[in-house]
Amino acid sequence: MISNRESARRSRARKQWLMEGLRKQTDCLSSENRELASRLAAVVGHCLALRHDNHRLLSEAAALRSRLSDRLAGAAAGAACGGDPQSLVPAAFAGGFMPETELTA
């Protein structure tokens, strides 16, 4: 009977030791999960900001292409009428360089 009690005591101690290990593992995994969720939220926020910037830049590029097309069409019409086509095209376009002030105007 003593050996049965001793075996039961060892079994309870082993079960308690295993449960403590599982609690520690749960705590570590929960902490890691919170950290990863926080990092994911930051990455998603960064991704949304980049998408917004990309959309804005695509819209700006389309507007600039439209302005350039309009100016080039005006220059071609002016040249057909004997005018100077370079007078309608900004100097920055003629050299292939567009300063930042041209982008925002």
Protein backbone atom coordinates (compact mmCIF):
# COMPACT_ATOMS: atom_id res chain seq x y z
CA MET A 1 0.00 0.00 0.00
CA ILE A 2 2.86 2.36 0.68
CA SER A 3 4.27 1.80 -2.79
CA ASN A 4 0.85 2.67 -4.30
CA ARG A 5 0.72 5.93 -2.31
CA GLU A 6 4.31 6.74 -3.26
CA SER A 7 3.53 6.05 -6.92
CA ALA A 8 0.46 8.31 -6.75
CA ARG A 9 2.51 11.07 -5.11
CA ARG A 10 5.16 10.85 -7.84
CA SER A 11 2.44 10.87 -10.48
CA ARG A 12 0.88 14.03 -9.00
CA ALA A 13 4.32 15.71 -8.78
CA ARG A 14 5.08 14.78 -12.41
CA LYS A 15 1.68 16.09 -13.52
CA GLN A 16 2.25 19.35 -11.59
CA TRP A 17 5.73 19.71 -13.15
CA LEU A 18 4.30 19.14 -16.65
CA MET A 19 1.46 21.62 -16.03
CA GLU A 20 3.94 24.27 -14.84
CA GLY A 21 5.98 23.73 -18.00
CA LEU A 22 2.86 24.14 -20.13
CA ARG A 23 1.92 27.34 -18.27
CA LYS A 24 5.38 28.79 -18.91
CA GLN A 25 5.20 27.81 -22.57
CA THR A 26 1.73 29.40 -22.83
CA ASP A 27 3.03 32.63 -21.28
CA CYS A 28 6.00 32.74 -23.70
CA LEU A 29 3.83 32.03 -26.73
CA SER A 30 1.24 34.61 -25.66
CA SER A 31 3.96 37.23 -25.28
CA GLU A 32 5.41 36.35 -28.69
CA ASN A 33 1.93 36.49 -30.21
CA ARG A 34 1.34 39.99 -28.81
CA GLU A 35 4.71 41.16 -30.15
CA LEU A 36 4.03 39.71 -33.59
CA ALA A 37 0.54 41.25 -33.68
CA SER A 38 2.05 44.62 -32.82
CA ARG A 39 4.67 44.28 -35.55
CA LEU A 40 2.01 43.19 -38.03
CA ALA A 41 -0.11 46.24 -37.21
CA ALA A 42 2.91 48.49 -37.81
CA VAL A 43 3.66 46.81 -41.15
CA VAL A 44 0.02 47.06 -42.24
CA GLY A 45 0.00 50.75 -41.31
CA HIS A 46 3.20 51.30 -43.29
CA CYS A 47 1.73 49.40 -46.24
CA LEU A 48 -1.40 51.57 -46.19
CA ALA A 49 0.71 54.73 -46.10
CA LEU A 50 2.74 53.49 -49.07
CA ARG A 51 -0.42 52.65 -51.01
CA HIS A 52 -1.76 56.12 -50.31
CA ASP A 53 1.51 57.69 -51.49
CA ASN A 54 1.53 55.46 -54.58
CA HIS A 55 -2.03 56.46 -55.44
CA ARG A 56 -1.18 60.12 -54.97
CA LEU A 57 1.94 59.84 -57.12
CA LEU A 58 0.08 57.98 -59.87
CA SER A 59 -2.58 60.70 -59.91
CA GLU A 60 0.08 63.39 -59.99
CA ALA A 61 1.91 61.62 -62.83
CA ALA A 62 -1.33 61.36 -64.83
CA ALA A 63 -2.02 65.07 -64.30
CA LEU A 64 1.52 65.96 -65.38
CA ARG A 65 1.25 63.76 -68.47
CA SER A 66 -2.01 65.49 -69.33
CA ARG A 67 -0.45 68.94 -68.85
CA LEU A 68 2.53 67.96 -70.98
CA SER A 69 0.28 66.55 -73.68
CA ASP A 70 -1.79 69.74 -73.69
CA ARG A 71 1.33 71.90 -73.95
CA LEU A 72 2.84 69.78 -76.68
CA ALA A 73 -0.45 69.89 -78.62
CA GLY A 74 -0.48 73.67 -78.18
CA ALA A 75 3.14 73.87 -79.33
CA ALA A 76 2.34 71.79 -82.42
CA ALA A 77 -0.64 74.02 -83.19
CA GLY A 78 1.50 77.10 -82.69
CA ALA A 79 4.20 75.71 -84.99
CA ALA A 80 1.59 74.95 -87.63
CA CYS A 81 0.48 78.59 -87.46
CA GLY A 82 4.06 79.84 -87.72
CA GLY A 83 4.55 80.49 -83.99
CA ASP A 84 7.52 79.43 -81.88
CA PRO A 85 6.69 76.00 -80.36
CA GLN A 86 9.35 76.42 -77.65
CA SER A 87 7.48 79.40 -76.21
CA LEU A 88 4.74 77.06 -74.95
CA VAL A 89 7.06 74.41 -73.50
CA PRO A 90 8.79 75.31 -70.20
CA ALA A 91 12.56 75.41 -70.34
CA ALA A 92 12.71 72.55 -67.86
CA PHE A 93 10.95 70.26 -70.34
CA ALA A 94 13.26 71.21 -73.19
CA GLY A 95 16.31 70.05 -71.23
CA GLY A 96 14.67 66.84 -70.02
CA PHE A 97 14.75 67.93 -66.38
CA MET A 98 11.69 68.92 -64.39
CA PRO A 99 12.44 70.84 -61.19
CA GLU A 100 10.22 70.20 -58.21
CA THR A 101 8.45 73.55 -58.68
CA GLU A 102 7.12 72.33 -62.01
CA LEU A 103 5.65 69.24 -60.34
CA THR A 104 3.57 71.14 -57.84
CA ALA A 105 2.39 73.98 -60.09
